[in-house]
Amino acid sequence: MLIKILGSAAGGGFPQWNCGCAHCRGLRAGSLRGKARTQTQVAITQDGQSWFLLGASPDLRPQIEATPELHPRDGVRQSPISGAVLLNADIDHVLGLLLLRELQPLRIYSTSSVRRILRDDNSMFAMLQRVPNQTQWTNFAPREQFSLRNADGEDSGVLCRTLSLGNHYPAYVAQNRQSDLVVGESSLGLMVESLSGAKLAYMPAVPQVDDPLLKEIASADLLLFDGALWSDDELIRIQGSGQSARQMGHIPVSGNEGSLSKLAGLSHPRKIYVHVNNTNPMLDEASAQHRQVREAGWEIAEDGWQFEL
């Protein structure tokens, strides 16, 4: 299985278009030792022919253009992208679906709750249903195993299983609507198994780490994990207001209860942070925080990285 990281930043990218924090200013000025990143997007394939997106980022179009493997090969409109797996309904995880609206046959895998939010509640996503069979939705439940299928309906050989990580819904989902949805279907992690038996754990939004999650992650060969914010009050300190990391559904990297500490005992998976916010000091490659992460055995994802399992 081939895994490509098309984007590695949190919502807004790095630098963020409306942000004048020290990191964004430094990157624009060339004084920060760091790299620009687009919003987190991962693509996987078993055979190199049919590709599947994990989420669909707002930066999906330039990410596809920067990835020759995802360019059309045969005919006028024959994209190798067969489908997308949705783990939540966050804007930075689903908005890219609307960029795939040009009558491209597509399979979308999601929980029933995420499907209802997008397809039933939001008329914009009707653009994915303009002609018969343009988009086929496949529902899955947390912990249920399912296979990804290519555009012809054939089994791609990629097995998936999702884990319920919390009950956090995006702010645009009204409270009364949330009460109608299934508990445990709003925020998920994903375990992906290749034909060889190798496993990818993809966890872009993790509110907390408990023993069952640790056991799941320990079985993986490659871990792509939530690295959104360094500290719980990061955005509040920088902006003067807002929510904490945990209130937004993200465990911070640092601290006794942060991911660096909670996952310190994991030795098997290759550990990589993704979905890194523009305010996170570990993006500064000259910082103590960057050095701490690297010394702890972690890597910080960059756009364009790829792995083979």
Protein backbone atom coordinates (compact mmCIF):
# COMPACT_ATOMS: atom_id res chain seq x y z
CA MET A 1 0.00 0.00 0.00
CA LEU A 2 1.30 3.41 -0.96
CA ILE A 3 0.45 6.37 1.28
CA LYS A 4 0.95 9.96 0.17
CA ILE A 5 0.64 13.01 2.42
CA LEU A 6 -0.68 15.71 0.10
CA GLY A 7 -1.16 18.24 2.91
CA SER A 8 -0.09 18.34 6.55
CA ALA A 9 -1.38 21.57 8.16
CA ALA A 10 -4.51 22.17 10.18
CA GLY A 11 -7.43 24.25 8.89
CA GLY A 12 -6.26 27.40 7.11
CA GLY A 13 -2.87 25.96 6.15
CA PHE A 14 0.54 27.45 6.93
CA PRO A 15 0.76 30.36 6.62
CA GLN A 16 -2.92 30.98 7.22
CA TRP A 17 -4.40 33.58 4.89
CA ASN A 18 -5.66 35.95 7.61
CA CYS A 19 -3.04 35.30 10.28
CA GLY A 20 -0.28 37.63 11.37
CA CYS A 21 1.10 35.47 14.18
CA ALA A 22 4.86 35.28 14.60
CA HIS A 23 5.08 32.02 12.68
CA CYS A 24 3.06 33.17 9.67
CA ARG A 25 4.87 36.51 9.52
CA GLY A 26 8.23 34.78 9.81
CA LEU A 27 7.45 32.25 7.08
CA ARG A 28 6.27 34.97 4.70
CA ALA A 29 9.35 37.05 5.42
CA GLY A 30 11.71 34.11 5.07
CA SER A 31 13.03 34.58 8.61
CA LEU A 32 11.40 31.44 10.05
CA ARG A 33 13.19 28.15 9.59
CA GLY A 34 10.19 26.18 8.45
CA LYS A 35 8.12 25.06 5.47
CA ALA A 36 4.76 26.10 4.04
CA ARG A 37 2.03 23.48 4.29
CA THR A 38 -1.42 22.99 2.79
CA GLN A 39 -4.38 21.63 4.75
CA THR A 40 -4.15 17.99 5.78
CA GLN A 41 -4.91 15.48 3.05
CA VAL A 42 -3.85 11.85 2.71
CA ALA A 43 -4.28 9.56 -0.31
CA ILE A 44 -3.77 5.78 -0.39
CA THR A 45 -3.64 3.05 -3.02
CA GLN A 46 -3.04 -0.69 -3.04
CA ASP A 47 -2.36 -1.15 -6.76
CA GLY A 48 -1.22 2.30 -7.91
CA GLN A 49 -4.28 2.55 -10.15
CA SER A 50 -7.25 3.26 -7.86
CA TRP A 51 -6.63 5.96 -5.25
CA PHE A 52 -8.70 6.80 -2.18
CA LEU A 53 -8.73 10.08 -0.30
CA LEU A 54 -8.79 10.17 3.49
CA GLY A 55 -10.95 13.24 3.88
CA ALA A 56 -11.24 15.92 1.21
CA SER A 57 -9.40 19.11 2.11
CA PRO A 58 -10.20 22.65 0.89
CA ASP A 59 -6.76 22.58 -0.79
CA LEU A 60 -7.55 19.42 -2.74
CA ARG A 61 -7.32 20.85 -6.26
CA PRO A 62 -3.71 22.16 -6.01
CA GLN A 63 -2.79 19.03 -4.05
CA ILE A 64 -4.03 16.86 -6.93
CA GLU A 65 -2.16 19.00 -9.45
CA ALA A 66 1.04 18.61 -7.42
CA THR A 67 0.66 14.80 -7.46
CA PRO A 68 1.14 13.21 -10.92
CA GLU A 69 -0.22 9.87 -9.70
CA LEU A 70 -3.64 11.53 -9.28
CA HIS A 71 -3.78 13.07 -12.76
CA PRO A 72 -6.17 11.62 -15.38
CA ARG A 73 -4.47 8.89 -17.43
CA ASP A 74 -6.92 7.59 -20.02
CA GLY A 75 -9.70 9.37 -21.85
CA VAL A 76 -10.86 12.92 -21.32
CA ARG A 77 -12.13 12.62 -17.76
CA GLN A 78 -10.83 9.47 -16.15
CA SER A 79 -9.48 10.36 -12.74
CA PRO A 80 -7.74 7.58 -10.77
CA ILE A 81 -9.48 8.86 -7.63
CA SER A 82 -12.13 6.26 -6.82
CA GLY A 83 -13.45 7.44 -3.47
CA ALA A 84 -13.08 9.27 -0.18
CA VAL A 85 -13.33 8.14 3.44
CA LEU A 86 -14.78 10.77 5.79
CA LEU A 87 -13.93 10.69 9.49
CA ASN A 88 -15.88 13.79 10.51
CA ALA A 89 -17.87 16.66 9.04
CA ASP A 90 -15.36 19.43 9.75
CA ILE A 91 -15.04 22.00 6.97
CA ASP A 92 -11.32 21.33 6.54
CA HIS A 93 -12.08 17.61 6.16
CA VAL A 94 -15.00 17.66 3.68
CA LEU A 95 -15.03 20.91 1.69
CA GLY A 96 -12.85 19.38 -1.01
CA LEU A 97 -15.71 17.07 -2.00
CA LEU A 98 -17.30 20.04 -3.74
CA LEU A 99 -14.18 20.33 -5.89
CA LEU A 100 -14.91 16.82 -7.19
CA ARG A 101 -18.33 17.77 -8.56
CA GLU A 102 -17.53 17.63 -12.30
CA LEU A 103 -19.61 14.46 -12.80
CA GLN A 104 -16.77 12.27 -11.54
CA PRO A 105 -18.05 8.86 -10.36
CA LEU A 106 -17.11 8.70 -6.70
CA ARG A 107 -17.67 6.46 -3.70
CA ILE A 108 -17.96 8.26 -0.37
CA TYR A 109 -17.59 6.26 2.84
CA SER A 110 -18.96 7.81 6.04
CA THR A 111 -21.10 7.22 9.09
CA SER A 112 -24.81 7.80 8.69
CA SER A 113 -24.51 10.91 10.88
CA VAL A 114 -21.86 12.55 8.70
CA ARG A 115 -23.85 11.67 5.58
CA ARG A 116 -26.99 13.25 7.02
CA ILE A 117 -25.12 16.45 7.91
CA LEU A 118 -23.65 16.79 4.44
CA ARG A 119 -26.13 15.26 2.02
CA ASP A 120 -29.44 15.80 3.81
CA ASP A 121 -28.83 19.13 5.58
CA ASN A 122 -26.64 21.00 3.11
CA SER A 123 -28.01 21.69 -0.37
CA MET A 124 -24.55 22.52 -1.75
CA PHE A 125 -23.59 18.86 -1.59
CA ALA A 126 -26.43 18.07 -4.00
CA MET A 127 -23.85 19.06 -6.65
CA LEU A 128 -22.45 15.60 -6.12
CA GLN A 129 -25.79 14.04 -7.13
CA ARG A 130 -26.61 15.82 -10.41
CA VAL A 131 -26.73 12.63 -12.50
CA PRO A 132 -27.59 9.02 -11.57
CA ASN A 133 -24.74 7.13 -9.91
CA GLN A 134 -22.50 10.19 -9.85
CA THR A 135 -21.82 9.56 -6.17
CA GLN A 136 -22.42 6.38 -4.21
CA TRP A 137 -22.54 6.75 -0.43
CA THR A 138 -21.54 3.80 1.71
CA ASN A 139 -22.36 3.96 5.40
CA PHE A 140 -20.20 2.34 8.05
CA ALA A 141 -20.49 2.15 11.82
CA PRO A 142 -17.60 2.64 14.24
CA ARG A 143 -15.47 -0.52 14.60
CA GLU A 144 -17.13 -2.07 11.54
CA GLN A 145 -14.66 -3.39 8.94
CA PHE A 146 -15.24 -2.47 5.31
CA SER A 147 -13.35 -2.72 2.02
CA LEU A 148 -12.64 0.17 -0.30
CA ARG A 149 -13.92 -0.47 -3.82
CA ASN A 150 -12.72 1.08 -7.05
CA ALA A 151 -14.89 2.88 -9.58
CA ASP A 152 -15.96 -0.44 -11.15
CA GLY A 153 -17.07 -1.81 -7.81
CA GLU A 154 -14.15 -4.21 -7.48
CA ASP A 155 -12.49 -4.77 -4.12
CA SER A 156 -9.28 -2.73 -3.97
CA GLY A 157 -7.74 -4.96 -1.30
CA VAL A 158 -7.68 -2.14 1.26
CA LEU A 159 -9.48 -2.91 4.53
CA CYS A 160 -10.66 -0.12 6.84
CA ARG A 161 -11.99 0.05 10.36
CA THR A 162 -12.92 3.21 12.22
CA LEU A 163 -12.68 4.04 15.91
CA SER A 164 -14.99 6.43 17.74
CA LEU A 165 -12.84 9.13 19.35
CA GLY A 166 -15.43 11.53 20.72
CA ASN A 167 -18.70 13.40 20.25
CA HIS A 168 -17.36 16.69 18.87
CA TYR A 169 -19.38 18.16 15.98
CA PRO A 170 -18.42 21.19 13.88
CA ALA A 171 -19.83 24.52 15.06
CA TYR A 172 -22.11 24.77 12.01
CA VAL A 173 -24.13 21.73 13.13
CA ALA A 174 -27.01 23.06 15.24
CA GLN A 175 -27.50 21.68 18.75
CA ASN A 176 -30.97 20.35 17.95
CA ARG A 177 -29.55 18.54 14.92
CA GLN A 178 -26.76 17.02 17.00
CA SER A 179 -29.33 15.50 19.34
CA ASP A 180 -30.81 13.62 16.34
CA LEU A 181 -27.51 12.04 15.35
CA VAL A 182 -25.91 8.82 16.54
CA VAL A 183 -23.59 9.14 19.53
CA GLY A 184 -20.02 8.20 18.65
CA GLU A 185 -20.26 8.88 14.91
CA SER A 186 -19.00 12.47 14.84
CA SER A 187 -15.24 12.13 15.27
CA LEU A 188 -13.36 9.04 14.16
CA GLY A 189 -9.93 7.56 13.75
CA LEU A 190 -9.11 5.13 10.96
CA MET A 191 -7.18 1.87 10.87
CA VAL A 192 -6.19 0.82 7.33
CA GLU A 193 -4.77 -2.61 6.50
CA SER A 194 -2.94 -3.47 3.28
CA LEU A 195 -2.88 -6.81 1.48
CA SER A 196 0.45 -7.55 3.16
CA GLY A 197 -1.12 -7.09 6.59
CA ALA A 198 0.71 -3.83 7.30
CA LYS A 199 -1.38 -1.21 9.10
CA LEU A 200 -1.79 2.55 8.95
CA ALA A 201 -3.38 4.40 11.87
CA TYR A 202 -4.76 7.77 10.72
CA MET A 203 -5.86 9.98 13.62
CA PRO A 204 -6.13 13.64 12.52
CA ALA A 205 -8.40 14.79 15.37
CA VAL A 206 -7.99 13.08 18.76
CA PRO A 207 -9.52 14.64 21.90
CA GLN A 208 -7.89 12.21 24.36
CA VAL A 209 -5.79 9.05 24.49
CA ASP A 210 -7.06 6.10 26.54
CA ASP A 211 -5.88 2.51 26.91
CA PRO A 212 -8.09 1.04 24.13
CA LEU A 213 -6.80 3.65 21.68
CA LEU A 214 -3.21 2.98 22.74
CA LYS A 215 -3.72 -0.72 22.06
CA GLU A 216 -5.07 0.00 18.58
CA ILE A 217 -2.24 2.39 17.72
CA ALA A 218 0.38 -0.06 19.01
CA SER A 219 -0.69 -2.55 16.34
CA ALA A 220 0.06 -0.10 13.52
CA ASP A 221 3.21 0.16 11.43
CA LEU A 222 2.68 3.85 10.61
CA LEU A 223 0.88 6.40 12.78
CA LEU A 224 -0.32 9.75 11.45
CA PHE A 225 -1.50 11.55 14.57
CA ASP A 226 -3.16 14.83 15.56
CA GLY A 227 -0.49 17.49 16.07
CA ALA A 228 -2.77 20.51 15.90
CA LEU A 229 -1.73 22.50 18.96
CA TRP A 230 1.30 22.48 21.23
CA SER A 231 -0.57 23.58 24.38
CA ASP A 232 -4.19 23.48 25.46
CA ASP A 233 -4.54 27.28 25.74
CA GLU A 234 -2.44 28.10 22.66
CA LEU A 235 -5.09 29.89 20.62
CA ILE A 236 -6.51 31.71 23.65
CA ARG A 237 -3.07 33.13 24.48
CA ILE A 238 -2.29 34.16 20.92
CA GLN A 239 -5.72 35.49 19.94
CA GLY A 240 -6.89 36.68 23.34
CA SER A 241 -10.05 34.59 23.04
CA GLY A 242 -11.41 31.35 21.61
CA GLN A 243 -11.49 27.73 22.69
CA SER A 244 -8.92 25.42 24.18
CA ALA A 245 -7.44 22.57 22.16
CA ARG A 246 -9.56 19.99 23.97
CA GLN A 247 -12.73 22.02 23.51
CA MET A 248 -12.08 21.82 19.77
CA GLY A 249 -11.50 18.07 19.92
CA HIS A 250 -7.68 18.03 19.90
CA ILE A 251 -5.29 16.70 22.51
CA PRO A 252 -2.31 19.10 22.85
CA VAL A 253 1.17 17.84 22.05
CA SER A 254 2.85 19.01 25.28
CA GLY A 255 2.11 18.52 28.99
CA ASN A 256 1.66 15.50 31.24
CA GLU A 257 -1.61 14.63 29.49
CA GLY A 258 -0.41 15.61 26.01
CA SER A 259 0.27 13.23 23.15
CA LEU A 260 4.07 13.30 23.52
CA SER A 261 3.68 11.97 27.05
CA LYS A 262 0.70 9.65 26.49
CA LEU A 263 2.30 7.96 23.45
CA ALA A 264 5.86 7.88 24.78
CA GLY A 265 5.74 4.13 25.36
CA LEU A 266 4.88 3.25 21.77
CA SER A 267 7.91 1.74 20.05
CA HIS A 268 6.53 -0.09 17.01
CA PRO A 269 4.76 2.47 14.81
CA ARG A 270 6.65 5.14 12.93
CA LYS A 271 5.13 8.21 14.61
CA ILE A 272 4.32 11.31 12.55
CA TYR A 273 2.37 14.41 13.48
CA VAL A 274 -0.13 15.75 10.92
CA HIS A 275 -2.83 18.44 11.00
CA VAL A 276 -0.41 20.92 12.59
CA ASN A 277 -1.81 24.38 13.27
CA ASN A 278 0.04 27.48 12.07
CA THR A 279 0.49 28.63 15.70
CA ASN A 280 2.23 25.43 16.82
CA PRO A 281 5.86 26.26 17.73
CA MET A 282 7.13 22.89 16.55
CA LEU A 283 6.75 24.17 12.97
CA ASP A 284 9.77 26.36 13.69
CA GLU A 285 12.65 23.99 12.98
CA ALA A 286 14.98 26.10 15.12
CA SER A 287 12.71 25.93 18.19
CA ALA A 288 13.10 23.95 21.39
CA GLN A 289 9.67 22.44 20.75
CA HIS A 290 10.72 21.10 17.35
CA ARG A 291 13.83 19.61 18.91
CA GLN A 292 11.80 18.05 21.75
CA VAL A 293 9.47 16.34 19.29
CA ARG A 294 12.32 14.96 17.20
CA GLU A 295 14.25 13.74 20.25
CA ALA A 296 11.11 11.90 21.38
CA GLY A 297 11.15 9.89 18.15
CA TRP A 298 8.43 11.78 16.29
CA GLU A 299 8.45 13.35 12.84
CA ILE A 300 6.44 16.34 11.67
CA ALA A 301 4.74 15.67 8.35
CA GLU A 302 5.50 17.74 5.29
CA ASP A 303 3.49 18.01 2.08
CA GLY A 304 4.64 15.46 -0.48
CA TRP A 305 5.89 12.75 1.87
CA GLN A 306 5.08 9.17 0.91
CA PHE A 307 5.36 5.75 2.53
CA GLU A 308 4.99 2.16 1.39
CA LEU A 309 3.50 -0.49 3.66
